[in-house]
PDB file of N, CA and C in Angstrom:
ATOM      1  N   MET A   1      46.437  55.316-119.704  1.00  0.00           N
ATOM      2  CA  MET A   1      45.203  54.832-119.085  1.00  0.00           C
ATOM      3  C   MET A   1      44.218  54.213-120.193  1.00  0.00           C
ATOM      4  N   GLU A   2      44.179  54.774-121.364  1.00  0.00           N
ATOM      5  CA  GLU A   2      43.409  54.298-122.347  1.00  0.00           C
ATOM      6  C   GLU A   2      43.781  52.856-122.794  1.00  0.00           C
ATOM      7  N   GLU A   3      45.130  52.680-122.993  1.00  0.00           N
ATOM      8  CA  GLU A   3      45.679  51.284-123.252  1.00  0.00           C
ATOM      9  C   GLU A   3      45.189  50.263-122.152  1.00  0.00           C
ATOM     10  N   ILE A   4      45.238  50.699-121.021  1.00  0.00           N
ATOM     11  CA  ILE A   4      44.812  49.759-119.908  1.00  0.00           C
ATOM     12  C   ILE A   4      43.377  49.489-119.921  1.00  0.00           C
ATOM     13  N   LYS A   5      42.611  50.471-120.199  1.00  0.00           N
ATOM     14  CA  LYS A   5      41.122  50.287-120.264  1.00  0.00           C
ATOM     15  C   LYS A   5      40.792  49.218-121.489  1.00  0.00           C
ATOM     16  N   ARG A   6      41.597  49.489-122.509  1.00  0.00           N
ATOM     17  CA  ARG A   6      41.341  48.583-123.802  1.00  0.00           C
ATOM     18  C   ARG A   6      41.710  47.158-123.429  1.00  0.00           C
ATOM     19  N   LEU A   7      42.912  47.010-122.690  1.00  0.00           N
ATOM     20  CA  LEU A   7      43.245  45.609-122.175  1.00  0.00           C
ATOM     21  C   LEU A   7      42.188  45.001-121.258  1.00  0.00           C
ATOM     22  N   ILE A   8      41.601  45.750-120.399  1.00  0.00           N
ATOM     23  CA  ILE A   8      40.560  45.323-119.557  1.00  0.00           C
ATOM     24  C   ILE A   8      39.330  44.919-120.364  1.00  0.00           C
ATOM     25  N   SER A   9      39.013  45.575-121.188  1.00  0.00           N
ATOM     26  CA  SER A   9      37.729  45.330-121.999  1.00  0.00           C
ATOM     27  C   SER A   9      38.006  44.136-123.045  1.00  0.00           C
ATOM     28  N   ASP A  10      39.214  43.911-123.326  1.00  0.00           N
ATOM     29  CA  ASP A  10      39.668  42.766-124.212  1.00  0.00           C
ATOM     30  C   ASP A  10      39.996  41.527-123.364  1.00  0.00           C
ATOM     31  N   ASN A  11      39.799  41.687-122.013  1.00  0.00           N
ATOM     32  CA  ASN A  11      39.941  40.574-121.193  1.00  0.00           C
ATOM     33  C   ASN A  11      41.564  40.113-121.021  1.00  0.00           C
ATOM     34  N   LYS A  12      42.320  41.083-121.240  1.00  0.00           N
ATOM     35  CA  LYS A  12      43.837  40.811-121.115  1.00  0.00           C
ATOM     36  C   LYS A  12      44.116  41.358-119.652  1.00  0.00           C
ATOM     37  N   SER A  13      43.674  40.586-118.716  1.00  0.00           N
ATOM     38  CA  SER A  13      43.736  41.081-117.327  1.00  0.00           C
ATOM     39  C   SER A  13      45.107  41.096-116.781  1.00  0.00           C
ATOM     40  N   GLU A  14      45.860  40.000-117.084  1.00  0.00           N
ATOM     41  CA  GLU A  14      47.346  40.014-116.451  1.00  0.00           C
ATOM     42  C   GLU A  14      48.117  41.078-117.058  1.00  0.00           C
ATOM     43  N   GLU A  15      47.980  41.472-118.282  1.00  0.00           N
ATOM     44  CA  GLU A  15      48.792  42.470-118.899  1.00  0.00           C
ATOM     45  C   GLU A  15      48.268  43.874-118.262  1.00  0.00           C
ATOM     46  N   ALA A  16      46.980  44.007-118.049  1.00  0.00           N
ATOM     47  CA  ALA A  16      46.541  45.229-117.362  1.00  0.00           C
ATOM     48  C   ALA A  16      46.970  45.445-116.015  1.00  0.00           C
ATOM     49  N   ILE A  17      46.846  44.243-115.294  1.00  0.00           N
ATOM     50  CA  ILE A  17      47.579  44.457-113.868  1.00  0.00           C
ATOM     51  C   ILE A  17      48.992  44.777-113.829  1.00  0.00           C
ATOM     52  N   ARG A  18      49.766  44.242-114.701  1.00  0.00           N
ATOM     53  CA  ARG A  18      51.176  44.582-114.800  1.00  0.00           C
ATOM     54  C   ARG A  18      51.347  46.004-115.165  1.00  0.00           C
ATOM     55  N   LEU A  19      50.558  46.577-116.026  1.00  0.00           N
ATOM     56  CA  LEU A  19      50.721  47.912-116.422  1.00  0.00           C
ATOM     57  C   LEU A  19      50.230  48.869-115.299  1.00  0.00           C
ATOM     58  N   LEU A  20      49.174  48.477-114.652  1.00  0.00           N
ATOM     59  CA  LEU A  20      48.656  49.294-113.571  1.00  0.00           C
ATOM     60  C   LEU A  20      49.607  49.215-112.370  1.00  0.00           C
ATOM     61  N   ASN A  21      50.270  48.114-112.082  1.00  0.00           N
ATOM     62  CA  ASN A  21      51.240  48.176-111.063  1.00  0.00           C
ATOM     63  C   ASN A  21      52.397  48.972-111.356  1.00  0.00           C
ATOM     64  N   GLU A  22      52.835  49.018-112.506  1.00  0.00           N
ATOM     65  CA  GLU A  22      53.948  49.871-112.966  1.00  0.00           C
ATOM     66  C   GLU A  22      53.581  51.318-112.773  1.00  0.00           C
ATOM     67  N   TYR A  23      52.363  51.669-113.288  1.00  0.00           N
ATOM     68  CA  TYR A  23      51.856  53.119-113.305  1.00  0.00           C
ATOM     69  C   TYR A  23      51.761  53.447-111.803  1.00  0.00           C
ATOM     70  N   LEU A  24      51.260  52.570-110.838  1.00  0.00           N
ATOM     71  CA  LEU A  24      51.026  52.993-109.544  1.00  0.00           C
ATOM     72  C   LEU A  24      52.292  53.223-108.771  1.00  0.00           C
ATOM     73  N   GLN A  25      53.216  52.455-109.234  1.00  0.00           N
ATOM     74  CA  GLN A  25      54.711  52.806-108.634  1.00  0.00           C
ATOM     75  C   GLN A  25      55.213  54.147-108.943  1.00  0.00           C
ATOM     76  N   LYS A  26      54.815  54.727-109.943  1.00  0.00           N
ATOM     77  CA  LYS A  26      55.189  56.129-110.380  1.00  0.00           C
ATOM     78  C   LYS A  26      54.095  57.074-109.857  1.00  0.00           C
ATOM     79  N   GLN A  27      52.867  56.671-109.847  1.00  0.00           N
ATOM     80  CA  GLN A  27      51.685  57.649-109.468  1.00  0.00           C
ATOM     81  C   GLN A  27      50.838  56.928-108.461  1.00  0.00           C
ATOM     82  N   PRO A  28      51.310  56.886-107.292  1.00  0.00           N
ATOM     83  CA  PRO A  28      50.591  56.006-106.112  1.00  0.00           C
ATOM     84  C   PRO A  28      49.403  56.755-105.729  1.00  0.00           C
ATOM     85  N   LYS A  29      49.155  58.022-106.103  1.00  0.00           N
ATOM     86  CA  LYS A  29      47.941  58.729-105.716  1.00  0.00           C
ATOM     87  C   LYS A  29      46.891  58.889-106.816  1.00  0.00           C
ATOM     88  N   SER A  30      46.970  57.912-107.816  1.00  0.00           N
ATOM     89  CA  SER A  30      46.055  57.891-108.929  1.00  0.00           C
ATOM     90  C   SER A  30      44.902  57.056-108.504  1.00  0.00           C
ATOM     91  N   ASP A  31      43.742  57.733-108.196  1.00  0.00           N
ATOM     92  CA  ASP A  31      42.510  57.033-107.694  1.00  0.00           C
ATOM     93  C   ASP A  31      42.058  56.224-109.000  1.00  0.00           C
ATOM     94  N   GLU A  32      42.139  56.701-110.213  1.00  0.00           N
ATOM     95  CA  GLU A  32      41.633  56.079-111.419  1.00  0.00           C
ATOM     96  C   GLU A  32      42.470  54.693-111.524  1.00  0.00           C
ATOM     97  N   ALA A  33      43.669  54.764-111.391  1.00  0.00           N
ATOM     98  CA  ALA A  33      44.473  53.530-111.511  1.00  0.00           C
ATOM     99  C   ALA A  33      43.985  52.500-110.385  1.00  0.00           C
ATOM    100  N   TRP A  34      43.936  53.004-109.269  1.00  0.00           N
ATOM    101  CA  TRP A  34      43.413  52.016-108.101  1.00  0.00           C
ATOM    102  C   TRP A  34      42.086  51.461-108.427  1.00  0.00           C
ATOM    103  N   PHE A  35      41.217  52.321-108.998  1.00  0.00           N
ATOM    104  CA  PHE A  35      39.808  51.771-109.319  1.00  0.00           C
ATOM    105  C   PHE A  35      39.940  50.842-110.356  1.00  0.00           C
ATOM    106  N   LEU A  36      40.709  51.122-111.400  1.00  0.00           N
ATOM    107  CA  LEU A  36      40.839  50.022-112.468  1.00  0.00           C
ATOM    108  C   LEU A  36      41.466  48.884-112.063  1.00  0.00           C
ATOM    109  N   LEU A  37      42.428  48.806-111.143  1.00  0.00           N
ATOM    110  CA  LEU A  37      43.000  47.699-110.577  1.00  0.00           C
ATOM    111  C   LEU A  37      42.007  46.886-109.825  1.00  0.00           C
ATOM    112  N   GLY A  38      41.089  47.587-109.037  1.00  0.00           N
ATOM    113  CA  GLY A  38      40.049  46.898-108.360  1.00  0.00           C
ATOM    114  C   GLY A  38      39.158  46.202-109.513  1.00  0.00           C
ATOM    115  N   LYS A  39      38.874  46.767-110.413  1.00  0.00           N
ATOM    116  CA  LYS A  39      37.916  46.341-111.481  1.00  0.00           C
ATOM    117  C   LYS A  39      38.503  45.139-112.164  1.00  0.00           C
ATOM    118  N   VAL A  40      39.792  45.014-112.440  1.00  0.00           N
ATOM    119  CA  VAL A  40      40.470  43.861-113.021  1.00  0.00           C
ATOM    120  C   VAL A  40      40.407  42.740-111.999  1.00  0.00           C
ATOM    121  N   TYR A  41      40.832  42.975-110.755  1.00  0.00           N
ATOM    122  CA  TYR A  41      40.741  42.004-109.774  1.00  0.00           C
ATOM    123  C   TYR A  41      39.395  41.353-109.557  1.00  0.00           C
ATOM    124  N   TYR A  42      38.334  42.259-109.615  1.00  0.00           N
ATOM    125  CA  TYR A  42      36.936  41.707-109.437  1.00  0.00           C
ATOM    126  C   TYR A  42      36.563  40.915-110.660  1.00  0.00           C
ATOM    127  N   LYS A  43      36.925  41.309-111.884  1.00  0.00           N
ATOM    128  CA  LYS A  43      36.793  40.321-112.955  1.00  0.00           C
ATOM    129  C   LYS A  43      37.354  39.066-112.862  1.00  0.00           C
ATOM    130  N   LEU A  44      38.582  39.022-112.206  1.00  0.00           N
ATOM    131  CA  LEU A  44      39.253  37.746-112.124  1.00  0.00           C
ATOM    132  C   LEU A  44      38.769  36.986-110.887  1.00  0.00           C
ATOM    133  N   GLY A  45      37.741  37.497-110.034  1.00  0.00           N
ATOM    134  CA  GLY A  45      37.205  36.748-108.958  1.00  0.00           C
ATOM    135  C   GLY A  45      38.062  36.943-107.722  1.00  0.00           C
ATOM    136  N   ASN A  46      39.005  37.898-107.726  1.00  0.00           N
ATOM    137  CA  ASN A  46      39.819  38.144-106.354  1.00  0.00           C
ATOM    138  C   ASN A  46      39.127  39.266-105.723  1.00  0.00           C
ATOM    139  N   VAL A  47      38.145  39.102-104.941  1.00  0.00           N
ATOM    140  CA  VAL A  47      37.260  39.987-104.405  1.00  0.00           C
ATOM    141  C   VAL A  47      38.086  40.803-103.315  1.00  0.00           C
ATOM    142  N   ARG A  48      38.941  40.057-102.576  1.00  0.00           N
ATOM    143  CA  ARG A  48      39.647  40.651-101.488  1.00  0.00           C
ATOM    144  C   ARG A  48      40.648  41.823-102.032  1.00  0.00           C
ATOM    145  N   LEU A  49      41.418  41.374-103.144  1.00  0.00           N
ATOM    146  CA  LEU A  49      42.262  42.441-103.706  1.00  0.00           C
ATOM    147  C   LEU A  49      41.373  43.510-104.496  1.00  0.00           C
ATOM    148  N   ALA A  50      40.272  43.236-104.994  1.00  0.00           N
ATOM    149  CA  ALA A  50      39.477  44.229-105.510  1.00  0.00           C
ATOM    150  C   ALA A  50      38.947  45.201-104.578  1.00  0.00           C
ATOM    151  N   LEU A  51      38.490  44.741-103.425  1.00  0.00           N
ATOM    152  CA  LEU A  51      37.969  45.621-102.394  1.00  0.00           C
ATOM    153  C   LEU A  51      39.163  46.523-101.763  1.00  0.00           C
ATOM    154  N   ASN A  52      40.294  45.918-101.606  1.00  0.00           N
ATOM    155  CA  ASN A  52      41.420  46.669-101.208  1.00  0.00           C
ATOM    156  C   ASN A  52      41.820  47.747-102.119  1.00  0.00           C
ATOM    157  N   SER A  53      41.777  47.557-103.377  1.00  0.00           N
ATOM    158  CA  SER A  53      42.113  48.543-104.466  1.00  0.00           C
ATOM    159  C   SER A  53      41.047  49.569-104.446  1.00  0.00           C
ATOM    160  N   TYR A  54      39.781  49.270-104.419  1.00  0.00           N
ATOM    161  CA  TYR A  54      38.653  50.215-104.375  1.00  0.00           C
ATOM    162  C   TYR A  54      38.827  51.113-103.161  1.00  0.00           C
ATOM    163  N   LEU A  55      39.309  50.514-102.037  1.00  0.00           N
ATOM    164  CA  LEU A  55      39.369  51.288-100.724  1.00  0.00           C
ATOM    165  C   LEU A  55      40.551  52.336-100.852  1.00  0.00           C
ATOM    166  N   GLN A  56      41.617  51.968-101.697  1.00  0.00           N
ATOM    167  CA  GLN A  56      42.744  52.843-101.863  1.00  0.00           C
ATOM    168  C   GLN A  56      42.254  54.000-102.748  1.00  0.00           C
ATOM    169  N   ALA A  57      41.483  53.754-103.692  1.00  0.00           N
ATOM    170  CA  ALA A  57      40.913  54.748-104.587  1.00  0.00           C
ATOM    171  C   ALA A  57      39.970  55.752-103.889  1.00  0.00           C
ATOM    172  N   ILE A  58      39.216  55.123-102.932  1.00  0.00           N
ATOM    173  CA  ILE A  58      38.266  56.013-102.251  1.00  0.00           C
ATOM    174  C   ILE A  58      38.933  56.897-101.113  1.00  0.00           C
ATOM    175  N   GLU A  59      40.102  56.359-100.706  1.00  0.00           N
ATOM    176  CA  GLU A  59      40.887  57.197 -99.733  1.00  0.00           C
ATOM    177  C   GLU A  59      41.463  58.426-100.402  1.00  0.00           C
ATOM    178  N   ILE A  60      41.892  58.267-101.664  1.00  0.00           N
ATOM    179  CA  ILE A  60      42.591  59.311-102.398  1.00  0.00           C
ATOM    180  C   ILE A  60      41.441  60.220-102.856  1.00  0.00           C
ATOM    181  N   ASN A  61      40.336  59.737-103.357  1.00  0.00           N
ATOM    182  CA  ASN A  61      39.334  60.559-103.935  1.00  0.00           C
ATOM    183  C   ASN A  61      37.933  59.930-103.386  1.00  0.00           C
ATOM    184  N   PRO A  62      37.281  60.534-102.426  1.00  0.00           N
ATOM    185  CA  PRO A  62      36.065  60.102-101.904  1.00  0.00           C
ATOM    186  C   PRO A  62      34.868  60.005-102.884  1.00  0.00           C
ATOM    187  N   GLU A  63      35.147  60.816-103.952  1.00  0.00           N
ATOM    188  CA  GLU A  63      34.110  60.800-104.975  1.00  0.00           C
ATOM    189  C   GLU A  63      34.350  59.839-106.128  1.00  0.00           C
ATOM    190  N   SER A  64      35.336  59.030-105.994  1.00  0.00           N
ATOM    191  CA  SER A  64      35.819  58.130-106.979  1.00  0.00           C
ATOM    192  C   SER A  64      34.658  57.087-107.360  1.00  0.00           C
ATOM    193  N   PRO A  65      34.489  56.612-108.589  1.00  0.00           N
ATOM    194  CA  PRO A  65      33.508  55.576-108.862  1.00  0.00           C
ATOM    195  C   PRO A  65      33.821  54.313-108.176  1.00  0.00           C
ATOM    196  N   ALA A  66      34.985  54.329-107.584  1.00  0.00           N
ATOM    197  CA  ALA A  66      35.402  53.071-106.747  1.00  0.00           C
ATOM    198  C   ALA A  66      34.353  52.897-105.559  1.00  0.00           C
ATOM    199  N   ARG A  67      33.902  53.939-105.009  1.00  0.00           N
ATOM    200  CA  ARG A  67      32.961  53.876-103.984  1.00  0.00           C
ATOM    201  C   ARG A  67      31.733  53.111-104.321  1.00  0.00           C
ATOM    202  N   GLU A  68      31.183  53.395-105.487  1.00  0.00           N
ATOM    203  CA  GLU A  68      29.901  52.570-106.012  1.00  0.00           C
ATOM    204  C   GLU A  68      30.419  51.153-106.187  1.00  0.00           C
ATOM    205  N   ALA A  69      31.498  51.004-106.759  1.00  0.00           N
ATOM    206  CA  ALA A  69      31.981  49.548-107.142  1.00  0.00           C
ATOM    207  C   ALA A  69      32.040  48.689-105.832  1.00  0.00           C
ATOM    208  N   TYR A  70      32.694  49.422-104.764  1.00  0.00           N
ATOM    209  CA  TYR A  70      32.997  48.832-103.447  1.00  0.00           C
ATOM    210  C   TYR A  70      31.666  48.431-102.810  1.00  0.00           C
ATOM    211  N   ASN A  71      30.711  49.482-102.812  1.00  0.00           N
ATOM    212  CA  ASN A  71      29.396  49.114-102.206  1.00  0.00           C
ATOM    213  C   ASN A  71      28.681  48.066-102.863  1.00  0.00           C
ATOM    214  N   MET A  72      28.758  47.910-104.188  1.00  0.00           N
ATOM    215  CA  MET A  72      28.163  46.923-105.016  1.00  0.00           C
ATOM    216  C   MET A  72      28.738  45.444-104.657  1.00  0.00           C
ATOM    217  N   ALA A  73      29.960  45.492-104.554  1.00  0.00           N
ATOM    218  CA  ALA A  73      30.731  44.198-104.278  1.00  0.00           C
ATOM    219  C   ALA A  73      30.280  43.757-102.885  1.00  0.00           C
ATOM    220  N   ILE A  74      30.264  44.604-101.960  1.00  0.00           N
ATOM    221  CA  ILE A  74      29.886  44.290-100.526  1.00  0.00           C
ATOM    222  C   ILE A  74      28.431  43.711-100.538  1.00  0.00           C
ATOM    223  N   LYS A  75      27.490  44.341-101.288  1.00  0.00           N
ATOM    224  CA  LYS A  75      26.190  43.939-101.451  1.00  0.00           C
ATOM    225  C   LYS A  75      26.196  42.391-102.010  1.00  0.00           C
ATOM    226  N   VAL A  76      26.887  42.215-103.037  1.00  0.00           N
ATOM    227  CA  VAL A  76      27.022  40.820-103.594  1.00  0.00           C
ATOM    228  C   VAL A  76      27.457  39.890-102.732  1.00  0.00           C
ATOM    229  N   LEU A  77      28.579  40.251-101.909  1.00  0.00           N
ATOM    230  CA  LEU A  77      29.105  39.272-100.753  1.00  0.00           C
ATOM    231  C   LEU A  77      28.049  39.054 -99.817  1.00  0.00           C
ATOM    232  N   ASP A  78      27.299  40.086 -99.356  1.00  0.00           N
ATOM    233  CA  ASP A  78      26.398  39.884 -98.211  1.00  0.00           C
ATOM    234  C   ASP A  78      25.265  38.969 -98.862  1.00  0.00           C
ATOM    235  N   PHE A  79      24.846  39.134-100.080  1.00  0.00           N
ATOM    236  CA  PHE A  79      23.839  38.319-100.631  1.00  0.00           C
ATOM    237  C   PHE A  79      24.316  36.859-100.709  1.00  0.00           C
ATOM    238  N   TYR A  80      25.488  36.604-101.189  1.00  0.00           N
ATOM    239  CA  TYR A  80      25.815  35.149-101.359  1.00  0.00           C
ATOM    240  C   TYR A  80      26.385  34.563-100.113  1.00  0.00           C
ATOM    241  N   ASN A  81      26.817  35.325 -99.152  1.00  0.00           N
ATOM    242  CA  ASN A  81      27.341  34.766 -98.006  1.00  0.00           C
ATOM    243  C   ASN A  81      26.628  34.898 -96.679  1.00  0.00           C
ATOM    244  N   LYS A  82      25.340  34.935 -96.819  1.00  0.00           N
ATOM    245  CA  LYS A  82      24.537  35.089 -95.538  1.00  0.00           C
ATOM    246  C   LYS A  82      24.671  34.039 -94.534  1.00  0.00           C
ATOM    247  N   ASP A  83      24.993  32.868 -95.058  1.00  0.00           N
ATOM    248  CA  ASP A  83      25.230  31.752 -94.036  1.00  0.00           C
ATOM    249  C   ASP A  83      26.479  31.979 -93.177  1.00  0.00           C
ATOM    250  N   MET A  84      27.444  32.851 -93.620  1.00  0.00           N
ATOM    251  CA  MET A  84      28.615  33.073 -92.966  1.00  0.00           C
ATOM    252  C   MET A  84      28.254  33.689 -91.605  1.00  0.00           C
ATOM    253  N   TYR A  85      27.244  34.586 -91.619  1.00  0.00           N
ATOM    254  CA  TYR A  85      26.873  35.234 -90.352  1.00  0.00           C
ATOM    255  C   TYR A  85      25.917  34.469 -89.434  1.00  0.00           C
ATOM    256  N   ASN A  86      25.539  33.159 -89.799  1.00  0.00           N
ATOM    257  CA  ASN A  86      24.656  32.475 -88.993  1.00  0.00           C
ATOM    258  C   ASN A  86      25.394  31.409 -88.260  1.00  0.00           C
ATOM    259  N   HIS A  87      26.652  31.422 -88.215  1.00  0.00           N
ATOM    260  CA  HIS A  87      27.447  30.339 -87.529  1.00  0.00           C
ATOM    261  C   HIS A  87      28.068  30.732 -86.208  1.00  0.00           C
TER     262      HIS A  87
END
């Protein structure tokens, strides 16, 4: 996990995603890995995959930091996409 966190902070997102996917194949119940995957996807602008990853982490561990990340992402979406609700 430390190497993956370093890759994320060094903006080596593709490598981080590859390692996280490999890790999750072996440890699918790792809420930390799901949270980090969501974090990388969010950094890349793929909000849908980020939210899905956060939800996976929350399902495994309701106390995961993914809950706060998910709520913040939803608030950002609500703020920027208000017009979607007015059509």
